Amino acid sequence: MSIIVPDEILAATRMTETEMRQEIAIMLFQREKLTLAQASRFAGMHRVAFQHLLASRHIPVHYGVEDFEQDIQNLREMGRL
């Protein structure tokens, strides 16, 4: 699914497309609609960078089972497990 945000909306919010994606990702993460991994992908950010963005806004990180499993998979792919 693709969402088209008209340029006039971006102009009205004074946000870039990247900023808009990040704001939507943060909102969905806060409402627990997306996991940390999903929200960081939606925002187009590495998970650690997204965590730093959340921390800069004093938003607690919910570290769920899916996030843990993804971390394990990443460590295996990197040869660290």
PDB file of N, CA and C in Angstrom:
ATOM      1  N   MET A   1       0.847  -1.174   0.000  1.00  0.00           N
ATOM      2  CA  MET A   1       0.000   0.000   0.000  1.00  0.00           C
ATOM      3  C   MET A   1       0.890   1.233   0.000  1.00  0.00           C
ATOM      4  N   SER A   2       0.518   2.182  -0.767  1.00  0.00           N
ATOM      5  CA  SER A   2       1.245   3.449  -0.813  1.00  0.00           C
ATOM      6  C   SER A   2       0.331   4.563  -0.352  1.00  0.00           C
ATOM      7  N   ILE A   3       0.910   5.496   0.367  1.00  0.00           N
ATOM      8  CA  ILE A   3       0.169   6.671   0.811  1.00  0.00           C
ATOM      9  C   ILE A   3       0.791   7.881   0.136  1.00  0.00           C
ATOM     10  N   ILE A   4      -0.032   8.676  -0.494  1.00  0.00           N
ATOM     11  CA  ILE A   4       0.447   9.889  -1.152  1.00  0.00           C
ATOM     12  C   ILE A   4       0.076  11.078  -0.286  1.00  0.00           C
ATOM     13  N   VAL A   5       1.097  11.810   0.122  1.00  0.00           N
ATOM     14  CA  VAL A   5       0.882  13.023   0.907  1.00  0.00           C
ATOM     15  C   VAL A   5       1.103  14.197  -0.037  1.00  0.00           C
ATOM     16  N   PRO A   6       0.059  14.967  -0.286  1.00  0.00           N
ATOM     17  CA  PRO A   6       0.203  16.103  -1.201  1.00  0.00           C
ATOM     18  C   PRO A   6       1.264  17.090  -0.706  1.00  0.00           C
ATOM     19  N   ASP A   7       1.958  17.701  -1.651  1.00  0.00           N
ATOM     20  CA  ASP A   7       2.989  18.683  -1.313  1.00  0.00           C
ATOM     21  C   ASP A   7       2.433  19.803  -0.450  1.00  0.00           C
ATOM     22  N   GLU A   8       1.164  20.165  -0.661  1.00  0.00           N
ATOM     23  CA  GLU A   8       0.570  21.253   0.127  1.00  0.00           C
ATOM     24  C   GLU A   8       0.472  20.883   1.609  1.00  0.00           C
ATOM     25  N   ILE A   9       0.275  19.588   1.901  1.00  0.00           N
ATOM     26  CA  ILE A   9       0.232  19.136   3.292  1.00  0.00           C
ATOM     27  C   ILE A   9       1.629  19.220   3.903  1.00  0.00           C
ATOM     28  N   LEU A  10       2.630  18.761   3.149  1.00  0.00           N
ATOM     29  CA  LEU A  10       4.003  18.868   3.638  1.00  0.00           C
ATOM     30  C   LEU A  10       4.377  20.327   3.862  1.00  0.00           C
ATOM     31  N   ALA A  11       3.972  21.185   2.948  1.00  0.00           N
ATOM     32  CA  ALA A  11       4.273  22.613   3.087  1.00  0.00           C
ATOM     33  C   ALA A  11       3.569  23.196   4.310  1.00  0.00           C
ATOM     34  N   ALA A  12       2.318  22.803   4.526  1.00  0.00           N
ATOM     35  CA  ALA A  12       1.554  23.329   5.661  1.00  0.00           C
ATOM     36  C   ALA A  12       2.173  22.905   6.990  1.00  0.00           C
ATOM     37  N   THR A  13       2.720  21.696   7.025  1.00  0.00           N
ATOM     38  CA  THR A  13       3.335  21.204   8.260  1.00  0.00           C
ATOM     39  C   THR A  13       4.796  21.623   8.381  1.00  0.00           C
ATOM     40  N   ARG A  14       5.324  22.167   7.290  1.00  0.00           N
ATOM     41  CA  ARG A  14       6.747  22.551   7.229  1.00  0.00           C
ATOM     42  C   ARG A  14       7.648  21.359   7.540  1.00  0.00           C
ATOM     43  N   MET A  15       7.252  20.215   6.985  1.00  0.00           N
ATOM     44  CA  MET A  15       8.013  18.985   7.191  1.00  0.00           C
ATOM     45  C   MET A  15       8.493  18.454   5.852  1.00  0.00           C
ATOM     46  N   THR A  16       9.617  17.750   5.898  1.00  0.00           N
ATOM     47  CA  THR A  16      10.069  17.027   4.723  1.00  0.00           C
ATOM     48  C   THR A  16       9.352  15.678   4.696  1.00  0.00           C
ATOM     49  N   GLU A  17       9.476  14.984   3.594  1.00  0.00           N
ATOM     50  CA  GLU A  17       8.883  13.647   3.504  1.00  0.00           C
ATOM     51  C   GLU A  17       9.483  12.731   4.576  1.00  0.00           C
ATOM     52  N   THR A  18      10.784  12.834   4.786  1.00  0.00           N
ATOM     53  CA  THR A  18      11.459  12.024   5.804  1.00  0.00           C
ATOM     54  C   THR A  18      10.919  12.324   7.191  1.00  0.00           C
ATOM     55  N   GLU A  19      10.761  13.601   7.504  1.00  0.00           N
ATOM     56  CA  GLU A  19      10.224  13.986   8.812  1.00  0.00           C
ATOM     57  C   GLU A  19       8.801  13.475   9.003  1.00  0.00           C
ATOM     58  N   MET A  20       7.996  13.533   7.948  1.00  0.00           N
ATOM     59  CA  MET A  20       6.616  13.051   8.024  1.00  0.00           C
ATOM     60  C   MET A  20       6.596  11.549   8.310  1.00  0.00           C
ATOM     61  N   ARG A  21       7.455  10.795   7.613  1.00  0.00           N
ATOM     62  CA  ARG A  21       7.528   9.349   7.845  1.00  0.00           C
ATOM     63  C   ARG A  21       7.936   9.056   9.285  1.00  0.00           C
ATOM     64  N   GLN A  22       8.897   9.820   9.792  1.00  0.00           N
ATOM     65  CA  GLN A  22       9.346   9.623  11.164  1.00  0.00           C
ATOM     66  C   GLN A  22       8.228   9.925  12.158  1.00  0.00           C
ATOM     67  N   GLU A  23       7.500  11.000  11.932  1.00  0.00           N
ATOM     68  CA  GLU A  23       6.402  11.367  12.840  1.00  0.00           C
ATOM     69  C   GLU A  23       5.315  10.298  12.857  1.00  0.00           C
ATOM     70  N   ILE A  24       4.982   9.781  11.692  1.00  0.00           N
ATOM     71  CA  ILE A  24       3.965   8.725  11.612  1.00  0.00           C
ATOM     72  C   ILE A  24       4.469   7.471  12.321  1.00  0.00           C
ATOM     73  N   ALA A  25       5.728   7.124  12.090  1.00  0.00           N
ATOM     74  CA  ALA A  25       6.309   5.944  12.739  1.00  0.00           C
ATOM     75  C   ALA A  25       6.296   6.092  14.256  1.00  0.00           C
ATOM     76  N   ILE A  26       6.659   7.268  14.745  1.00  0.00           N
ATOM     77  CA  ILE A  26       6.664   7.516  16.192  1.00  0.00           C
ATOM     78  C   ILE A  26       5.256   7.377  16.761  1.00  0.00           C
ATOM     79  N   MET A  27       4.287   7.978  16.079  1.00  0.00           N
ATOM     80  CA  MET A  27       2.910   7.920  16.561  1.00  0.00           C
ATOM     81  C   MET A  27       2.411   6.471  16.631  1.00  0.00           C
ATOM     82  N   LEU A  28       2.660   5.701  15.580  1.00  0.00           N
ATOM     83  CA  LEU A  28       2.202   4.309  15.559  1.00  0.00           C
ATOM     84  C   LEU A  28       2.944   3.466  16.592  1.00  0.00           C
ATOM     85  N   PHE A  29       4.213   3.773  16.817  1.00  0.00           N
ATOM     86  CA  PHE A  29       4.968   3.069  17.851  1.00  0.00           C
ATOM     87  C   PHE A  29       4.415   3.388  19.236  1.00  0.00           C
ATOM     88  N   GLN A  30       4.153   4.656  19.498  1.00  0.00           N
ATOM     89  CA  GLN A  30       3.615   5.056  20.801  1.00  0.00           C
ATOM     90  C   GLN A  30       2.267   4.405  21.081  1.00  0.00           C
ATOM     91  N   ARG A  31       1.478   4.227  20.044  1.00  0.00           N
ATOM     92  CA  ARG A  31       0.156   3.602  20.203  1.00  0.00           C
ATOM     93  C   ARG A  31       0.233   2.082  20.181  1.00  0.00           C
ATOM     94  N   GLU A  32       1.464   1.571  20.104  1.00  0.00           N
ATOM     95  CA  GLU A  32       1.730   0.134  20.079  1.00  0.00           C
ATOM     96  C   GLU A  32       1.076  -0.571  18.897  1.00  0.00           C
ATOM     97  N   LYS A  33       0.994   0.136  17.781  1.00  0.00           N
ATOM     98  CA  LYS A  33       0.499  -0.445  16.533  1.00  0.00           C
ATOM     99  C   LYS A  33       1.652  -1.042  15.730  1.00  0.00           C
ATOM    100  N   LEU A  34       2.874  -0.526  15.971  1.00  0.00           N
ATOM    101  CA  LEU A  34       4.075  -1.043  15.323  1.00  0.00           C
ATOM    102  C   LEU A  34       5.102  -1.383  16.392  1.00  0.00           C
ATOM    103  N   THR A  35       5.869  -2.436  16.128  1.00  0.00           N
ATOM    104  CA  THR A  35       6.989  -2.758  17.010  1.00  0.00           C
ATOM    105  C   THR A  35       8.122  -1.777  16.726  1.00  0.00           C
ATOM    106  N   LEU A  36       9.146  -1.845  17.543  1.00  0.00           N
ATOM    107  CA  LEU A  36      10.318  -0.998  17.331  1.00  0.00           C
ATOM    108  C   LEU A  36      10.930  -1.269  15.963  1.00  0.00           C
ATOM    109  N   ALA A  37      11.059  -2.529  15.606  1.00  0.00           N
ATOM    110  CA  ALA A  37      11.635  -2.896  14.309  1.00  0.00           C
ATOM    111  C   ALA A  37      10.774  -2.377  13.161  1.00  0.00           C
ATOM    112  N   GLN A  38       9.470  -2.563  13.256  1.00  0.00           N
ATOM    113  CA  GLN A  38       8.567  -2.099  12.200  1.00  0.00           C
ATOM    114  C   GLN A  38       8.589  -0.581  12.079  1.00  0.00           C
ATOM    115  N   ALA A  39       8.552   0.100  13.210  1.00  0.00           N
ATOM    116  CA  ALA A  39       8.536   1.566  13.195  1.00  0.00           C
ATOM    117  C   ALA A  39       9.833   2.126  12.630  1.00  0.00           C
ATOM    118  N   SER A  40      10.951   1.522  12.985  1.00  0.00           N
ATOM    119  CA  SER A  40      12.223   2.020  12.459  1.00  0.00           C
ATOM    120  C   SER A  40      12.310   1.797  10.956  1.00  0.00           C
ATOM    121  N   ARG A  41      11.810   0.659  10.470  1.00  0.00           N
ATOM    122  CA  ARG A  41      11.782   0.424   9.017  1.00  0.00           C
ATOM    123  C   ARG A  41      10.870   1.427   8.329  1.00  0.00           C
ATOM    124  N   PHE A  42       9.697   1.666   8.905  1.00  0.00           N
ATOM    125  CA  PHE A  42       8.756   2.626   8.326  1.00  0.00           C
ATOM    126  C   PHE A  42       9.390   4.011   8.253  1.00  0.00           C
ATOM    127  N   ALA A  43      10.128   4.374   9.295  1.00  0.00           N
ATOM    128  CA  ALA A  43      10.779   5.685   9.345  1.00  0.00           C
ATOM    129  C   ALA A  43      11.986   5.757   8.415  1.00  0.00           C
ATOM    130  N   GLY A  44      12.415   4.602   7.903  1.00  0.00           N
ATOM    131  CA  GLY A  44      13.585   4.581   7.028  1.00  0.00           C
ATOM    132  C   GLY A  44      14.881   4.789   7.791  1.00  0.00           C
ATOM    133  N   MET A  45      14.889   4.313   9.037  1.00  0.00           N
ATOM    134  CA  MET A  45      16.041   4.524   9.904  1.00  0.00           C
ATOM    135  C   MET A  45      16.552   3.200  10.449  1.00  0.00           C
ATOM    136  N   HIS A  46      17.843   3.155  10.748  1.00  0.00           N
ATOM    137  CA  HIS A  46      18.395   2.022  11.481  1.00  0.00           C
ATOM    138  C   HIS A  46      17.742   2.023  12.857  1.00  0.00           C
ATOM    139  N   ARG A  47      17.561   0.855  13.417  1.00  0.00           N
ATOM    140  CA  ARG A  47      16.846   0.749  14.685  1.00  0.00           C
ATOM    141  C   ARG A  47      17.490   1.586  15.793  1.00  0.00           C
ATOM    142  N   VAL A  48      18.806   1.580  15.866  1.00  0.00           N
ATOM    143  CA  VAL A  48      19.488   2.349  16.916  1.00  0.00           C
ATOM    144  C   VAL A  48      19.231   3.843  16.735  1.00  0.00           C
ATOM    145  N   ALA A  49      19.263   4.312  15.491  1.00  0.00           N
ATOM    146  CA  ALA A  49      18.989   5.731  15.227  1.00  0.00           C
ATOM    147  C   ALA A  49      17.558   6.080  15.619  1.00  0.00           C
ATOM    148  N   PHE A  50      16.628   5.166  15.336  1.00  0.00           N
ATOM    149  CA  PHE A  50      15.235   5.404  15.710  1.00  0.00           C
ATOM    150  C   PHE A  50      15.093   5.429  17.234  1.00  0.00           C
ATOM    151  N   GLN A  51      15.816   4.551  17.916  1.00  0.00           N
ATOM    152  CA  GLN A  51      15.789   4.555  19.383  1.00  0.00           C
ATOM    153  C   GLN A  51      16.324   5.883  19.929  1.00  0.00           C
ATOM    154  N   HIS A  52      17.366   6.413  19.294  1.00  0.00           N
ATOM    155  CA  HIS A  52      17.900   7.715  19.717  1.00  0.00           C
ATOM    156  C   HIS A  52      16.871   8.819  19.494  1.00  0.00           C
ATOM    157  N   LEU A  53      16.146   8.740  18.387  1.00  0.00           N
ATOM    158  CA  LEU A  53      15.092   9.714  18.114  1.00  0.00           C
ATOM    159  C   LEU A  53      14.017   9.636  19.194  1.00  0.00           C
ATOM    160  N   LEU A  54      13.616   8.423  19.547  1.00  0.00           N
ATOM    161  CA  LEU A  54      12.628   8.252  20.615  1.00  0.00           C
ATOM    162  C   LEU A  54      13.157   8.809  21.933  1.00  0.00           C
ATOM    163  N   ALA A  55      14.395   8.493  22.240  1.00  0.00           N
ATOM    164  CA  ALA A  55      14.992   8.962  23.501  1.00  0.00           C
ATOM    165  C   ALA A  55      15.058  10.484  23.548  1.00  0.00           C
ATOM    166  N   SER A  56      15.334  11.113  22.411  1.00  0.00           N
ATOM    167  CA  SER A  56      15.418  12.579  22.382  1.00  0.00           C
ATOM    168  C   SER A  56      14.073  13.225  22.689  1.00  0.00           C
ATOM    169  N   ARG A  57      13.013  12.441  22.526  1.00  0.00           N
ATOM    170  CA  ARG A  57      11.658  12.931  22.811  1.00  0.00           C
ATOM    171  C   ARG A  57      11.103  12.341  24.111  1.00  0.00           C
ATOM    172  N   HIS A  58      11.949  11.654  24.830  1.00  0.00           N
ATOM    173  CA  HIS A  58      11.566  11.035  26.110  1.00  0.00           C
ATOM    174  C   HIS A  58      10.430  10.029  25.936  1.00  0.00           C
ATOM    175  N   ILE A  59      10.493   9.264  24.841  1.00  0.00           N
ATOM    176  CA  ILE A  59       9.498   8.230  24.560  1.00  0.00           C
ATOM    177  C   ILE A  59      10.116   6.882  24.935  1.00  0.00           C
ATOM    178  N   PRO A  60       9.494   6.155  25.868  1.00  0.00           N
ATOM    179  CA  PRO A  60      10.067   4.866  26.277  1.00  0.00           C
ATOM    180  C   PRO A  60       9.996   3.839  25.155  1.00  0.00           C
ATOM    181  N   VAL A  61      10.991   2.964  25.130  1.00  0.00           N
ATOM    182  CA  VAL A  61      11.066   1.919  24.112  1.00  0.00           C
ATOM    183  C   VAL A  61      10.434   0.653  24.664  1.00  0.00           C
ATOM    184  N   HIS A  62       9.497   0.099  23.904  1.00  0.00           N
ATOM    185  CA  HIS A  62       8.861  -1.174  24.250  1.00  0.00           C
ATOM    186  C   HIS A  62       9.618  -2.248  23.474  1.00  0.00           C
ATOM    187  N   TYR A  63      10.371  -3.051  24.146  1.00  0.00           N
ATOM    188  CA  TYR A  63      11.194  -4.073  23.502  1.00  0.00           C
ATOM    189  C   TYR A  63      10.451  -5.394  23.591  1.00  0.00           C
ATOM    190  N   GLY A  64       9.813  -5.786  22.494  1.00  0.00           N
ATOM    191  CA  GLY A  64       8.982  -6.975  22.486  1.00  0.00           C
ATOM    192  C   GLY A  64       9.699  -8.209  21.969  1.00  0.00           C
ATOM    193  N   VAL A  65       8.974  -9.298  21.933  1.00  0.00           N
ATOM    194  CA  VAL A  65       9.509 -10.587  21.488  1.00  0.00           C
ATOM    195  C   VAL A  65       9.977 -10.500  20.043  1.00  0.00           C
ATOM    196  N   GLU A  66       9.193  -9.854  19.192  1.00  0.00           N
ATOM    197  CA  GLU A  66       9.575  -9.745  17.781  1.00  0.00           C
ATOM    198  C   GLU A  66      10.896  -8.995  17.635  1.00  0.00           C
ATOM    199  N   ASP A  67      11.071  -7.939  18.406  1.00  0.00           N
ATOM    200  CA  ASP A  67      12.320  -7.180  18.363  1.00  0.00           C
ATOM    201  C   ASP A  67      13.493  -8.048  18.827  1.00  0.00           C
ATOM    202  N   PHE A  68      13.279  -8.810  19.893  1.00  0.00           N
ATOM    203  CA  PHE A  68      14.315  -9.705  20.403  1.00  0.00           C
ATOM    204  C   PHE A  68      14.696 -10.737  19.342  1.00  0.00           C
ATOM    205  N   GLU A  69      13.699 -11.347  18.716  1.00  0.00           N
ATOM    206  CA  GLU A  69      13.961 -12.350  17.685  1.00  0.00           C
ATOM    207  C   GLU A  69      14.707 -11.741  16.507  1.00  0.00           C
ATOM    208  N   GLN A  70      14.359 -10.513  16.140  1.00  0.00           N
ATOM    209  CA  GLN A  70      15.054  -9.835  15.047  1.00  0.00           C
ATOM    210  C   GLN A  70      16.507  -9.562  15.419  1.00  0.00           C
ATOM    211  N   ASP A  71      16.748  -9.167  16.654  1.00  0.00           N
ATOM    212  CA  ASP A  71      18.115  -8.935  17.118  1.00  0.00           C
ATOM    213  C   ASP A  71      18.937 -10.223  17.069  1.00  0.00           C
ATOM    214  N   ILE A  72      18.340 -11.329  17.491  1.00  0.00           N
ATOM    215  CA  ILE A  72      19.029 -12.625  17.441  1.00  0.00           C
ATOM    216  C   ILE A  72      19.371 -12.977  16.000  1.00  0.00           C
ATOM    217  N   GLN A  73      18.416 -12.789  15.095  1.00  0.00           N
ATOM    218  CA  GLN A  73      18.650 -13.080  13.679  1.00  0.00           C
ATOM    219  C   GLN A  73      19.774 -12.205  13.132  1.00  0.00           C
ATOM    220  N   ASN A  74      19.761 -10.931  13.473  1.00  0.00           N
ATOM    221  CA  ASN A  74      20.817 -10.020  13.010  1.00  0.00           C
ATOM    222  C   ASN A  74      22.186 -10.457  13.526  1.00  0.00           C
ATOM    223  N   LEU A  75      22.253 -10.848  14.790  1.00  0.00           N
ATOM    224  CA  LEU A  75      23.521 -11.312  15.359  1.00  0.00           C
ATOM    225  C   LEU A  75      24.007 -12.579  14.666  1.00  0.00           C
ATOM    226  N   ARG A  76      23.094 -13.474  14.330  1.00  0.00           N
ATOM    227  CA  ARG A  76      23.471 -14.701  13.606  1.00  0.00           C
ATOM    228  C   ARG A  76      24.025 -14.357  12.232  1.00  0.00           C
ATOM    229  N   GLU A  77      23.356 -13.436  11.535  1.00  0.00           N
ATOM    230  CA  GLU A  77      23.803 -13.039  10.202  1.00  0.00           C
ATOM    231  C   GLU A  77      25.176 -12.368  10.246  1.00  0.00           C
ATOM    232  N   MET A  78      25.469 -11.708  11.342  1.00  0.00           N
ATOM    233  CA  MET A  78      26.758 -11.038  11.504  1.00  0.00           C
ATOM    234  C   MET A  78      27.833 -11.995  12.023  1.00  0.00           C
ATOM    235  N   GLY A  79      27.436 -13.244  12.305  1.00  0.00           N
ATOM    236  CA  GLY A  79      28.378 -14.232  12.796  1.00  0.00           C
ATOM    237  C   GLY A  79      28.776 -14.036  14.240  1.00  0.00           C
ATOM    238  N   ARG A  80      27.943 -13.366  14.981  1.00  0.00           N
ATOM    239  CA  ARG A  80      28.251 -13.115  16.392  1.00  0.00           C
ATOM    240  C   ARG A  80      27.535 -14.076  17.326  1.00  0.00           C
ATOM    241  N   LEU A  81      26.753 -14.986  16.765  1.00  0.00           N
ATOM    242  CA  LEU A  81      26.106 -16.037  17.570  1.00  0.00           C
ATOM    243  C   LEU A  81      26.335 -17.379  16.917  1.00  0.00           C
TER     244      LEU A  81
END
